[in-house]
Amino acid sequence: MINNKYQISRFLRAGIFRIISELSSETNTEVYVIGGFVRDKLLNRKTPKDIDIVVRGSGIEFAKKLAKKVDVKKVSIFKTYGTAMFKYKGTELEFVGARKESYSFDSRNPIVTEGTIEDDQKRRDFTINALAISLNKETFGILKDPFIGLKDLQEKIIKTPLDPDITFSDDPLRMLRAIRFSTQLDFRIDEECLEAIIRNKERIKIITAERIHTELNKILISPVPSTGFKLLFETGLLEIIFPELYNLAGISILNNKTHKDNFLHTLLVVDNISKLSDDLWLRWAALLHDVAKPKTKKWVEGTGWTFYAHNTVGAKMVPEIFNRLKLPMNEKMKFVQKIVELHMRPIALVEDIVTDSALRRLLIDAGDDLDALMTLCEADITSKNERRVAHYIENFKHVRRKIAEVEERDNLRNFQPPISGDEIMKYFNIGPGRLVGDIKNAIREAILEGEIPNNKEKAWEYMILIAVPSTSSGTATNESDDNSENKYSD
């Protein structure tokens, strides 16, 4: 922890801060660096690539003058918010005039008026983000800390500068930010703030889905994501913003048969995968891999609790959840959906005798995402029985070795049929239709079952052998009725 003026001044000496200080003196303008940059520097964390500068007066005018001084041509100006931004040597500098804020009940967008540096610090979300360091010549490097944020940093506490009920009601996004910072920094939320979040949880409904998923992403990419999701659950926020995840909670007991709490299991899987991968979307797949269990839960006499097809039902839920949270509806969503759909397949291979045919099918269905899928499945081993865990991990190693052998021999990663539909139609002089698909599928099945190798020559021989169309005119139709059962002749 950096905690004295000499140390603070030292990291401000070089580069842009000295230039800002010079301009501050030349223009007689009060200027401070504030927010995340200060917080992370004081914590000796890697500092963000964006720096917030607060100016007594016009932040836009100060930014324009500074840009001219450092020969930066492009300055982005946001008049509505009274801010300006430009990049300098890879760092994004954002300038804002010191201001006061007041809120209406139905919006988190404040009514803004000009204020002092102290006013600006009051409007900040947490004491650790209200810390400001002077860039003024006479007080350069002095920490301005009216809310004892430095002490909260040292004691690892998330606390609001003002009354937390007012802070969270004015801008409900701050409730999610409190939980996110707690997760990222491994800080505890002040008890009064935590109770205020619970009291104000319904206010989260005025926050846009985009803002919500941004905070969820930051929680997910944290070292121990379960910390944030447990806090979301305990405060009641999760039930409002993510009911599908909330509904996983609870232990099911019937006829002395108990099933684990799927919410806690899911969080354990997410924590496990966070040790193995920093891929945000794989972490989303881990978060959603059992999301359909409440929908598919059924008691079967003689068997116990079952969740048949929860992977398939869960895969159908993924686009619904992504769409509601305004997450990207592109290849990222499709990746998550695919992993959720397939996550039971490797586990089945571990539990059963591993056949080359099953491995070939998994290779084709998973394609380039096979490694991610296997990583999730290994993270999904959460038994408290250490011998059982060790047994599963050893079996997964065996499956990985077998997959590598089959892949090297059969070249099935990102499998494409060795004979195209156009080639089939040309050879048999037939038009497009179900028959062409059936022939392609027959070739695919023969490759998967190991009847023929995955190459064009053998596939061609096999096609000629089994796929002579029964047509009187030499031209097949594209009908798709039941007569297609007689599509092959010996």
Protein backbone atom coordinates (compact mmCIF):
# COMPACT_ATOMS: atom_id res chain seq x y z
CA MET A 1 0.00 0.00 0.00
CA ILE A 2 1.38 3.41 -1.01
CA ASN A 3 0.58 5.73 1.88
CA ASN A 4 2.81 8.80 1.97
CA LYS A 5 3.22 11.95 -0.07
CA TYR A 6 6.69 11.04 -1.32
CA GLN A 7 5.54 7.72 -2.73
CA ILE A 8 2.41 9.24 -4.26
CA SER A 9 4.38 12.08 -5.85
CA ARG A 10 6.90 9.61 -7.23
CA PHE A 11 4.45 7.83 -9.51
CA LEU A 12 3.13 11.20 -10.75
CA ARG A 13 6.49 12.70 -11.67
CA ALA A 14 6.88 11.57 -15.24
CA GLY A 15 4.89 12.22 -18.39
CA ILE A 16 1.39 13.57 -18.66
CA PHE A 17 0.86 14.47 -14.98
CA ARG A 18 3.71 17.00 -14.99
CA ILE A 19 2.36 18.51 -18.20
CA ILE A 20 -1.12 18.78 -16.63
CA SER A 21 0.45 20.43 -13.60
CA GLU A 22 2.19 22.99 -15.81
CA LEU A 23 -1.07 23.80 -17.60
CA SER A 24 -2.87 24.00 -14.26
CA SER A 25 -0.40 26.66 -13.16
CA GLU A 26 -0.53 28.54 -16.48
CA THR A 27 -4.34 28.69 -16.50
CA ASN A 28 -4.83 29.02 -12.74
CA THR A 29 -7.06 25.92 -12.80
CA GLU A 30 -7.58 23.48 -9.93
CA VAL A 31 -6.95 19.94 -11.26
CA TYR A 32 -6.90 16.47 -9.66
CA VAL A 33 -6.50 12.87 -10.80
CA ILE A 34 -9.34 10.86 -9.23
CA GLY A 35 -11.04 7.48 -9.20
CA GLY A 36 -9.85 4.07 -10.32
CA PHE A 37 -6.33 5.10 -11.29
CA VAL A 38 -5.68 6.50 -7.80
CA ARG A 39 -7.30 3.52 -6.08
CA ASP A 40 -5.30 0.94 -8.02
CA LYS A 41 -2.04 2.84 -7.69
CA LEU A 42 -2.49 3.03 -3.92
CA LEU A 43 -3.18 -0.72 -3.88
CA ASN A 44 -0.13 -1.42 -6.06
CA ARG A 45 -2.45 -3.07 -8.59
CA LYS A 46 -2.05 -2.87 -12.33
CA THR A 47 -3.51 0.52 -13.19
CA PRO A 48 -6.25 0.92 -15.79
CA LYS A 49 -5.53 2.33 -19.25
CA ASP A 50 -7.99 5.16 -18.59
CA ILE A 51 -7.40 8.04 -16.19
CA ASP A 52 -10.06 10.39 -14.83
CA ILE A 53 -9.09 14.04 -14.38
CA VAL A 54 -11.44 16.38 -12.52
CA VAL A 55 -11.17 20.12 -13.13
CA ARG A 56 -12.64 23.04 -11.20
CA GLY A 57 -14.41 24.73 -14.09
CA SER A 58 -14.72 23.42 -17.64
CA GLY A 59 -13.21 19.98 -18.19
CA ILE A 60 -13.81 20.34 -21.93
CA GLU A 61 -11.86 23.61 -22.24
CA PHE A 62 -8.99 22.24 -20.15
CA ALA A 63 -8.86 19.10 -22.30
CA LYS A 64 -8.68 21.18 -25.50
CA LYS A 65 -5.79 23.25 -24.15
CA LEU A 66 -3.91 20.18 -22.94
CA ALA A 67 -4.41 18.39 -26.27
CA LYS A 68 -2.92 21.38 -28.06
CA LYS A 69 0.00 21.45 -25.61
CA VAL A 70 0.85 17.75 -26.22
CA ASP A 71 0.06 17.92 -29.95
CA VAL A 72 -2.99 15.65 -29.93
CA LYS A 73 -5.29 16.39 -32.85
CA LYS A 74 -8.44 14.45 -31.94
CA VAL A 75 -10.47 15.28 -28.82
CA SER A 76 -13.82 13.57 -28.27
CA ILE A 77 -16.30 15.94 -26.63
CA PHE A 78 -19.53 14.92 -24.87
CA LYS A 79 -21.35 18.18 -24.18
CA THR A 80 -24.33 16.46 -22.51
CA TYR A 81 -22.08 15.13 -19.77
CA GLY A 82 -19.59 18.00 -19.79
CA THR A 83 -16.71 15.62 -20.50
CA ALA A 84 -13.90 15.35 -23.02
CA MET A 85 -11.52 12.51 -23.80
CA PHE A 86 -8.38 11.89 -25.82
CA LYS A 87 -5.64 9.29 -26.03
CA TYR A 88 -2.05 10.10 -25.15
CA LYS A 89 0.69 7.49 -25.62
CA GLY A 90 -1.77 4.59 -25.32
CA THR A 91 -3.59 6.00 -22.27
CA GLU A 92 -7.14 7.32 -22.38
CA LEU A 93 -7.52 10.60 -20.49
CA GLU A 94 -11.03 11.72 -19.56
CA PHE A 95 -11.69 15.24 -18.26
CA VAL A 96 -14.75 16.39 -16.38
CA GLY A 97 -15.66 19.61 -14.64
CA ALA A 98 -16.25 19.29 -10.89
CA ARG A 99 -19.98 19.05 -10.33
CA LYS A 100 -22.90 18.54 -7.98
CA GLU A 101 -25.62 16.00 -8.77
CA SER A 102 -29.26 15.51 -7.85
CA TYR A 103 -31.61 12.74 -9.01
CA SER A 104 -35.25 12.12 -9.80
CA PHE A 105 -36.76 8.89 -8.49
CA ASP A 106 -37.42 7.25 -11.87
CA SER A 107 -33.99 7.77 -13.43
CA ARG A 108 -30.32 7.26 -12.63
CA ASN A 109 -29.41 10.19 -14.90
CA PRO A 110 -28.54 13.09 -12.60
CA ILE A 111 -29.33 16.78 -12.81
CA VAL A 112 -25.86 18.32 -12.91
CA THR A 113 -24.64 21.72 -11.75
CA GLU A 114 -21.15 23.13 -11.43
CA GLY A 115 -19.47 22.44 -8.09
CA THR A 116 -16.22 22.25 -6.16
CA ILE A 117 -13.74 19.38 -6.04
CA GLU A 118 -15.29 18.42 -2.69
CA ASP A 119 -18.76 18.36 -4.30
CA ASP A 120 -17.40 16.08 -6.98
CA GLN A 121 -15.93 13.70 -4.41
CA LYS A 122 -19.30 13.52 -2.62
CA ARG A 123 -21.03 12.30 -5.77
CA ARG A 124 -18.62 9.35 -6.15
CA ASP A 125 -19.95 5.86 -5.49
CA PHE A 126 -17.47 4.63 -2.85
CA THR A 127 -14.89 6.18 -0.56
CA ILE A 128 -12.11 4.21 -2.27
CA ASN A 129 -13.13 5.80 -5.59
CA ALA A 130 -13.42 9.32 -4.15
CA LEU A 131 -9.68 9.59 -3.47
CA ALA A 132 -8.10 12.44 -5.42
CA ILE A 133 -4.48 13.48 -5.86
CA SER A 134 -3.59 17.11 -6.53
CA LEU A 135 -1.87 17.97 -9.82
CA ASN A 136 -1.62 21.63 -8.82
CA LYS A 137 1.88 23.06 -8.57
CA GLU A 138 1.75 24.13 -4.90
CA THR A 139 0.10 20.91 -3.63
CA PHE A 140 1.33 18.43 -6.25
CA GLY A 141 0.98 14.83 -5.05
CA ILE A 142 -1.06 15.58 -1.93
CA LEU A 143 -3.92 13.14 -1.36
CA LYS A 144 -7.34 14.75 -0.93
CA ASP A 145 -9.32 12.27 1.17
CA PRO A 146 -12.38 13.83 2.89
CA PHE A 147 -14.11 10.44 3.48
CA ILE A 148 -11.11 8.53 4.88
CA GLY A 149 -10.99 6.33 1.79
CA LEU A 150 -7.35 5.48 2.39
CA LYS A 151 -8.31 3.82 5.68
CA ASP A 152 -11.04 1.85 3.88
CA LEU A 153 -8.46 0.73 1.32
CA GLN A 154 -6.17 -0.46 4.09
CA GLU A 155 -9.03 -2.25 5.88
CA LYS A 156 -10.45 -3.63 2.60
CA ILE A 157 -13.93 -2.15 2.99
CA ILE A 158 -16.47 -1.00 0.39
CA LYS A 159 -18.31 2.00 1.84
CA THR A 160 -20.27 4.93 0.36
CA PRO A 161 -19.16 8.55 1.01
CA LEU A 162 -22.70 9.59 1.98
CA ASP A 163 -25.84 7.81 3.26
CA PRO A 164 -25.90 4.45 1.40
CA ASP A 165 -29.69 4.48 1.06
CA ILE A 166 -29.49 7.78 -0.82
CA THR A 167 -26.44 6.65 -2.80
CA PHE A 168 -28.07 3.41 -3.98
CA SER A 169 -31.53 4.86 -4.53
CA ASP A 170 -30.10 7.74 -6.60
CA ASP A 171 -28.09 5.39 -8.82
CA PRO A 172 -29.04 1.71 -8.31
CA LEU A 173 -26.20 0.55 -10.56
CA ARG A 174 -23.94 1.31 -7.59
CA MET A 175 -25.38 -1.73 -5.81
CA LEU A 176 -23.99 -3.98 -8.54
CA ARG A 177 -20.74 -2.03 -8.56
CA ALA A 178 -20.36 -2.54 -4.80
CA ILE A 179 -20.66 -6.29 -5.30
CA ARG A 180 -18.37 -6.21 -8.32
CA PHE A 181 -15.63 -4.29 -6.48
CA SER A 182 -15.98 -6.60 -3.50
CA THR A 183 -15.41 -9.55 -5.85
CA GLN A 184 -12.58 -8.01 -7.87
CA LEU A 185 -10.63 -6.62 -4.92
CA ASP A 186 -11.54 -9.25 -2.31
CA PHE A 187 -12.98 -6.47 -0.09
CA ARG A 188 -15.96 -6.79 2.24
CA ILE A 189 -18.99 -4.55 1.86
CA ASP A 190 -19.68 -2.40 4.91
CA GLU A 191 -22.61 -3.84 6.89
CA GLU A 192 -24.67 -0.65 6.63
CA CYS A 193 -24.14 -0.60 2.85
CA LEU A 194 -25.09 -4.26 2.54
CA GLU A 195 -28.34 -3.67 4.41
CA ALA A 196 -29.03 -0.63 2.21
CA ILE A 197 -28.61 -2.79 -0.90
CA ILE A 198 -31.21 -5.21 0.46
CA ARG A 199 -33.60 -2.33 1.22
CA ASN A 200 -33.14 -0.78 -2.22
CA LYS A 201 -32.92 -3.92 -4.37
CA GLU A 202 -36.15 -3.17 -6.28
CA ARG A 203 -34.54 0.02 -7.61
CA ILE A 204 -32.32 -2.15 -9.83
CA LYS A 205 -35.30 -2.48 -12.19
CA ILE A 206 -34.60 0.97 -13.68
CA ILE A 207 -31.10 -0.08 -14.78
CA THR A 208 -30.65 -1.13 -18.42
CA ALA A 209 -29.73 -4.70 -19.33
CA GLU A 210 -26.51 -3.46 -20.95
CA ARG A 211 -25.34 -1.93 -17.66
CA ILE A 212 -26.29 -5.07 -15.75
CA HIS A 213 -24.47 -7.49 -18.05
CA THR A 214 -21.35 -5.31 -17.97
CA GLU A 215 -21.17 -5.74 -14.19
CA LEU A 216 -21.97 -9.47 -14.45
CA ASN A 217 -19.13 -9.87 -16.94
CA LYS A 218 -16.71 -8.15 -14.56
CA ILE A 219 -17.82 -10.41 -11.71
CA LEU A 220 -17.43 -13.47 -13.92
CA ILE A 221 -13.92 -12.54 -15.00
CA SER A 222 -12.82 -11.99 -11.37
CA PRO A 223 -10.47 -14.49 -9.68
CA VAL A 224 -13.28 -16.01 -7.53
CA PRO A 225 -16.62 -15.23 -9.24
CA SER A 226 -18.69 -17.10 -6.65
CA THR A 227 -18.07 -14.26 -4.17
CA GLY A 228 -20.13 -11.87 -6.32
CA PHE A 229 -22.91 -14.29 -7.18
CA LYS A 230 -23.38 -15.27 -3.53
CA LEU A 231 -23.68 -11.57 -2.65
CA LEU A 232 -26.18 -11.06 -5.48
CA PHE A 233 -28.19 -13.97 -4.09
CA GLU A 234 -28.02 -12.83 -0.45
CA THR A 235 -29.06 -9.25 -1.26
CA GLY A 236 -32.03 -10.35 -3.39
CA LEU A 237 -30.64 -8.74 -6.55
CA LEU A 238 -30.09 -12.06 -8.32
CA GLU A 239 -33.77 -13.00 -8.19
CA ILE A 240 -34.60 -9.76 -10.02
CA ILE A 241 -31.84 -9.61 -12.64
CA PHE A 242 -31.15 -13.31 -13.22
CA PRO A 243 -34.11 -15.47 -12.08
CA GLU A 244 -32.91 -18.55 -14.00
CA LEU A 245 -29.73 -18.66 -11.92
CA TYR A 246 -31.59 -17.83 -8.69
CA ASN A 247 -34.01 -20.74 -9.30
CA LEU A 248 -31.15 -23.24 -9.13
CA ALA A 249 -30.86 -22.70 -5.37
CA GLY A 250 -32.20 -25.18 -2.86
CA ILE A 251 -31.75 -28.81 -1.82
CA SER A 252 -34.35 -31.34 -3.01
CA ILE A 253 -35.32 -34.10 -0.54
CA LEU A 254 -37.89 -36.86 -1.13
CA ASN A 255 -38.08 -40.36 0.38
CA ASN A 256 -34.77 -39.71 2.11
CA LYS A 257 -33.16 -39.05 -1.28
CA THR A 258 -31.31 -35.73 -1.36
CA HIS A 259 -30.07 -33.79 -4.37
CA LYS A 260 -27.38 -31.14 -3.98
CA ASP A 261 -27.99 -27.41 -4.24
CA ASN A 262 -27.49 -26.76 -7.96
CA PHE A 263 -26.78 -23.07 -7.40
CA LEU A 264 -23.83 -23.77 -5.09
CA HIS A 265 -22.67 -26.55 -7.42
CA THR A 266 -22.76 -24.14 -10.36
CA LEU A 267 -20.71 -21.56 -8.48
CA LEU A 268 -18.15 -24.20 -7.59
CA VAL A 269 -17.87 -25.16 -11.27
CA VAL A 270 -17.42 -21.49 -12.23
CA ASP A 271 -14.68 -21.09 -9.61
CA ASN A 272 -13.02 -24.30 -10.83
CA ILE A 273 -13.02 -23.18 -14.44
CA SER A 274 -11.71 -19.74 -13.43
CA LYS A 275 -8.52 -21.47 -12.27
CA LEU A 276 -8.16 -23.08 -15.69
CA SER A 277 -9.27 -20.41 -18.17
CA ASP A 278 -9.78 -16.65 -18.36
CA ASP A 279 -12.18 -17.03 -21.31
CA LEU A 280 -15.26 -14.99 -20.35
CA TRP A 281 -17.59 -17.01 -22.59
CA LEU A 282 -16.40 -20.35 -21.26
CA ARG A 283 -17.16 -18.97 -17.80
CA TRP A 284 -20.65 -18.04 -19.05
CA ALA A 285 -21.03 -21.62 -20.28
CA ALA A 286 -20.04 -22.86 -16.81
CA LEU A 287 -22.57 -20.50 -15.23
CA LEU A 288 -25.37 -21.78 -17.49
CA HIS A 289 -24.44 -25.43 -17.90
CA ASP A 290 -27.14 -26.64 -15.45
CA VAL A 291 -29.54 -23.72 -15.86
CA ALA A 292 -32.39 -25.98 -17.04
CA LYS A 293 -32.30 -28.33 -14.06
CA PRO A 294 -35.27 -26.63 -12.31
CA LYS A 295 -37.33 -27.06 -15.50
CA THR A 296 -36.37 -30.72 -15.99
CA LYS A 297 -36.31 -31.92 -12.37
CA LYS A 298 -38.44 -35.02 -11.88
CA TRP A 299 -38.74 -37.71 -9.24
CA VAL A 300 -38.57 -41.23 -10.73
CA GLU A 301 -39.47 -44.07 -8.39
CA GLY A 302 -36.57 -46.46 -8.00
CA THR A 303 -34.14 -43.96 -9.50
CA GLY A 304 -34.50 -40.75 -7.52
CA TRP A 305 -34.17 -37.19 -8.79
CA THR A 306 -33.60 -36.93 -12.53
CA PHE A 307 -32.89 -34.05 -14.90
CA TYR A 308 -33.35 -35.71 -18.27
CA ALA A 309 -32.36 -33.57 -21.28
CA HIS A 310 -31.39 -30.61 -19.08
CA ASN A 311 -28.49 -29.98 -21.46
CA THR A 312 -30.80 -29.70 -24.48
CA VAL A 313 -33.38 -27.59 -22.65
CA GLY A 314 -30.56 -25.44 -21.25
CA ALA A 315 -29.13 -24.86 -24.72
CA LYS A 316 -32.54 -23.54 -25.82
CA MET A 317 -32.58 -21.18 -22.83
CA VAL A 318 -29.18 -19.65 -23.65
CA PRO A 319 -30.37 -17.34 -26.49
CA GLU A 320 -33.37 -16.26 -24.37
CA ILE A 321 -31.08 -15.28 -21.48
CA PHE A 322 -28.54 -13.58 -23.75
CA ASN A 323 -31.28 -11.64 -25.50
CA ARG A 324 -32.85 -10.44 -22.24
CA LEU A 325 -29.48 -9.37 -20.80
CA LYS A 326 -28.53 -7.78 -24.15
CA LEU A 327 -25.42 -9.96 -24.37
CA PRO A 328 -24.02 -10.47 -27.88
CA MET A 329 -26.30 -12.63 -30.05
CA ASN A 330 -23.42 -13.77 -32.24
CA GLU A 331 -20.77 -16.49 -32.24
CA LYS A 332 -20.20 -15.86 -28.51
CA MET A 333 -23.76 -16.88 -27.71
CA LYS A 334 -23.54 -19.83 -30.11
CA PHE A 335 -20.36 -21.00 -28.38
CA VAL A 336 -22.05 -20.90 -24.95
CA GLN A 337 -25.11 -22.66 -26.35
CA LYS A 338 -22.96 -25.37 -27.93
CA ILE A 339 -20.99 -26.04 -24.75
CA VAL A 340 -24.19 -26.21 -22.67
CA GLU A 341 -25.71 -28.63 -25.20
CA LEU A 342 -22.65 -30.92 -25.25
CA HIS A 343 -21.50 -30.77 -21.62
CA MET A 344 -22.94 -34.21 -20.73
CA ARG A 345 -21.25 -36.04 -23.60
CA PRO A 346 -17.68 -36.31 -22.25
CA ILE A 347 -19.05 -37.24 -18.81
CA ALA A 348 -20.97 -40.13 -20.42
CA LEU A 349 -17.75 -41.26 -22.12
CA VAL A 350 -15.93 -41.23 -18.79
CA GLU A 351 -18.64 -43.33 -17.16
CA ASP A 352 -19.05 -45.85 -20.02
CA ILE A 353 -16.69 -47.90 -22.15
CA VAL A 354 -15.05 -45.47 -24.57
CA THR A 355 -15.71 -46.49 -28.19
CA ASP A 356 -13.98 -44.97 -31.20
CA SER A 357 -17.40 -44.29 -32.72
CA ALA A 358 -18.48 -42.18 -29.72
CA LEU A 359 -15.19 -40.29 -29.82
CA ARG A 360 -15.56 -39.59 -33.54
CA ARG A 361 -19.06 -38.19 -32.98
CA LEU A 362 -17.84 -35.97 -30.17
CA LEU A 363 -14.94 -34.72 -32.30
CA ILE A 364 -17.28 -33.79 -35.15
CA ASP A 365 -19.94 -32.18 -32.93
CA ALA A 366 -17.49 -30.20 -30.77
CA GLY A 367 -14.99 -29.25 -33.51
CA ASP A 368 -12.56 -26.53 -32.43
CA ASP A 369 -14.44 -26.13 -29.13
CA LEU A 370 -13.53 -29.62 -27.91
CA ASP A 371 -10.76 -28.43 -25.58
CA ALA A 372 -13.08 -25.85 -24.00
CA LEU A 373 -15.77 -28.51 -23.57
CA MET A 374 -13.35 -30.91 -21.89
CA THR A 375 -12.12 -28.12 -19.60
CA LEU A 376 -15.71 -27.43 -18.48
CA CYS A 377 -16.41 -31.11 -17.89
CA GLU A 378 -13.30 -31.48 -15.74
CA ALA A 379 -14.32 -28.36 -13.78
CA ASP A 380 -17.75 -30.00 -13.32
CA ILE A 381 -16.26 -32.66 -11.03
CA THR A 382 -17.27 -31.26 -7.65
CA SER A 383 -17.69 -34.32 -5.44
CA LYS A 384 -16.47 -34.09 -1.84
CA ASN A 385 -15.23 -37.66 -2.21
CA GLU A 386 -11.56 -37.20 -3.12
CA ARG A 387 -11.19 -40.76 -4.42
CA ARG A 388 -14.18 -40.28 -6.71
CA VAL A 389 -12.72 -37.00 -8.03
CA ALA A 390 -9.31 -38.63 -8.62
CA HIS A 391 -11.01 -41.51 -10.45
CA TYR A 392 -12.93 -39.15 -12.74
CA ILE A 393 -9.88 -37.03 -13.48
CA GLU A 394 -7.88 -40.12 -14.41
CA ASN A 395 -10.71 -41.27 -16.68
CA PHE A 396 -10.81 -37.84 -18.33
CA LYS A 397 -7.08 -38.15 -19.03
CA HIS A 398 -7.78 -41.50 -20.68
CA VAL A 399 -10.57 -39.98 -22.79
CA ARG A 400 -8.28 -37.10 -23.85
CA ARG A 401 -5.59 -39.59 -24.92
CA LYS A 402 -8.11 -41.62 -26.91
CA ILE A 403 -9.49 -38.47 -28.55
CA ALA A 404 -5.97 -37.46 -29.60
CA GLU A 405 -5.38 -40.90 -31.11
CA VAL A 406 -8.68 -40.91 -33.03
CA GLU A 407 -8.20 -37.34 -34.20
CA GLU A 408 -4.71 -38.00 -35.49
CA ARG A 409 -5.81 -41.16 -37.29
CA ASP A 410 -9.13 -40.02 -38.72
CA ASN A 411 -8.65 -36.24 -39.19
CA LEU A 412 -12.13 -35.39 -37.90
CA ARG A 413 -11.69 -31.97 -36.25
CA ASN A 414 -14.05 -29.57 -38.11
CA PHE A 415 -15.29 -32.50 -40.18
CA GLN A 416 -16.66 -31.79 -43.66
CA PRO A 417 -18.25 -34.54 -45.79
CA PRO A 418 -15.61 -35.87 -48.22
CA ILE A 419 -18.20 -35.79 -51.02
CA SER A 420 -20.34 -32.70 -51.54
CA GLY A 421 -24.02 -32.57 -52.42
CA ASP A 422 -23.15 -31.10 -55.84
CA GLU A 423 -20.88 -34.05 -56.57
CA ILE A 424 -23.60 -36.52 -55.58
CA MET A 425 -26.17 -34.82 -57.82
CA LYS A 426 -23.75 -34.68 -60.74
CA TYR A 427 -22.71 -38.33 -60.46
CA PHE A 428 -26.26 -39.68 -60.22
CA ASN A 429 -27.79 -37.02 -62.47
CA ILE A 430 -30.38 -36.12 -59.84
CA GLY A 431 -31.76 -32.87 -58.49
CA PRO A 432 -31.56 -31.50 -54.95
CA GLY A 433 -33.72 -33.20 -52.36
CA ARG A 434 -33.90 -35.55 -49.43
CA LEU A 435 -32.11 -38.34 -51.31
CA VAL A 436 -28.90 -36.28 -51.55
CA GLY A 437 -28.96 -35.63 -47.81
CA ASP A 438 -29.58 -39.31 -47.08
CA ILE A 439 -26.56 -40.33 -49.16
CA LYS A 440 -24.35 -37.76 -47.42
CA ASN A 441 -25.61 -38.95 -44.05
CA ALA A 442 -24.94 -42.60 -44.94
CA ILE A 443 -21.33 -41.72 -45.79
CA ARG A 444 -20.99 -39.75 -42.58
CA GLU A 445 -22.32 -42.65 -40.49
CA ALA A 446 -19.97 -45.11 -42.21
CA ILE A 447 -17.01 -42.87 -41.32
CA LEU A 448 -18.18 -42.44 -37.73
CA GLU A 449 -18.69 -46.18 -37.28
CA GLY A 450 -15.24 -46.89 -38.70
CA GLU A 451 -16.57 -48.79 -41.71
CA ILE A 452 -14.55 -46.57 -44.06
CA PRO A 453 -11.70 -44.11 -43.48
CA ASN A 454 -12.28 -40.36 -43.76
CA ASN A 455 -11.04 -39.83 -47.31
CA LYS A 456 -12.63 -39.11 -50.66
CA GLU A 457 -11.58 -42.24 -52.49
CA LYS A 458 -13.08 -44.69 -49.98
CA ALA A 459 -16.17 -42.50 -49.52
CA TRP A 460 -16.70 -42.52 -53.30
CA GLU A 461 -16.44 -46.32 -53.45
CA TYR A 462 -18.87 -46.63 -50.55
CA MET A 463 -21.35 -44.23 -52.16
CA ILE A 464 -21.39 -46.19 -55.41
CA LEU A 465 -21.83 -49.41 -53.50
CA ILE A 466 -24.82 -48.40 -51.39
CA ALA A 467 -26.41 -45.41 -53.10
CA VAL A 468 -27.64 -46.35 -56.58
CA PRO A 469 -30.94 -44.45 -56.86
CA SER A 470 -34.02 -46.44 -57.90
CA THR A 471 -35.51 -44.23 -60.61
CA SER A 472 -37.16 -45.14 -63.86
CA SER A 473 -35.96 -42.10 -65.79
CA GLY A 474 -32.43 -41.84 -64.42
CA THR A 475 -33.35 -38.58 -62.66
CA ALA A 476 -34.40 -38.46 -59.00
CA THR A 477 -37.08 -36.06 -57.83
CA ASN A 478 -36.79 -33.86 -54.78
CA GLU A 479 -39.87 -35.36 -53.15
CA SER A 480 -39.55 -36.03 -49.44
CA ASP A 481 -42.45 -38.47 -48.87
CA ASP A 482 -42.35 -41.98 -47.48
CA ASN A 483 -41.47 -43.50 -50.86
CA SER A 484 -37.89 -42.43 -50.22
CA GLU A 485 -37.55 -45.59 -48.09
CA ASN A 486 -36.83 -47.44 -51.34
CA LYS A 487 -34.11 -45.06 -52.43
CA TYR A 488 -31.32 -47.64 -52.50
CA SER A 489 -30.98 -50.82 -54.58
CA ASP A 490 -28.64 -53.70 -54.08
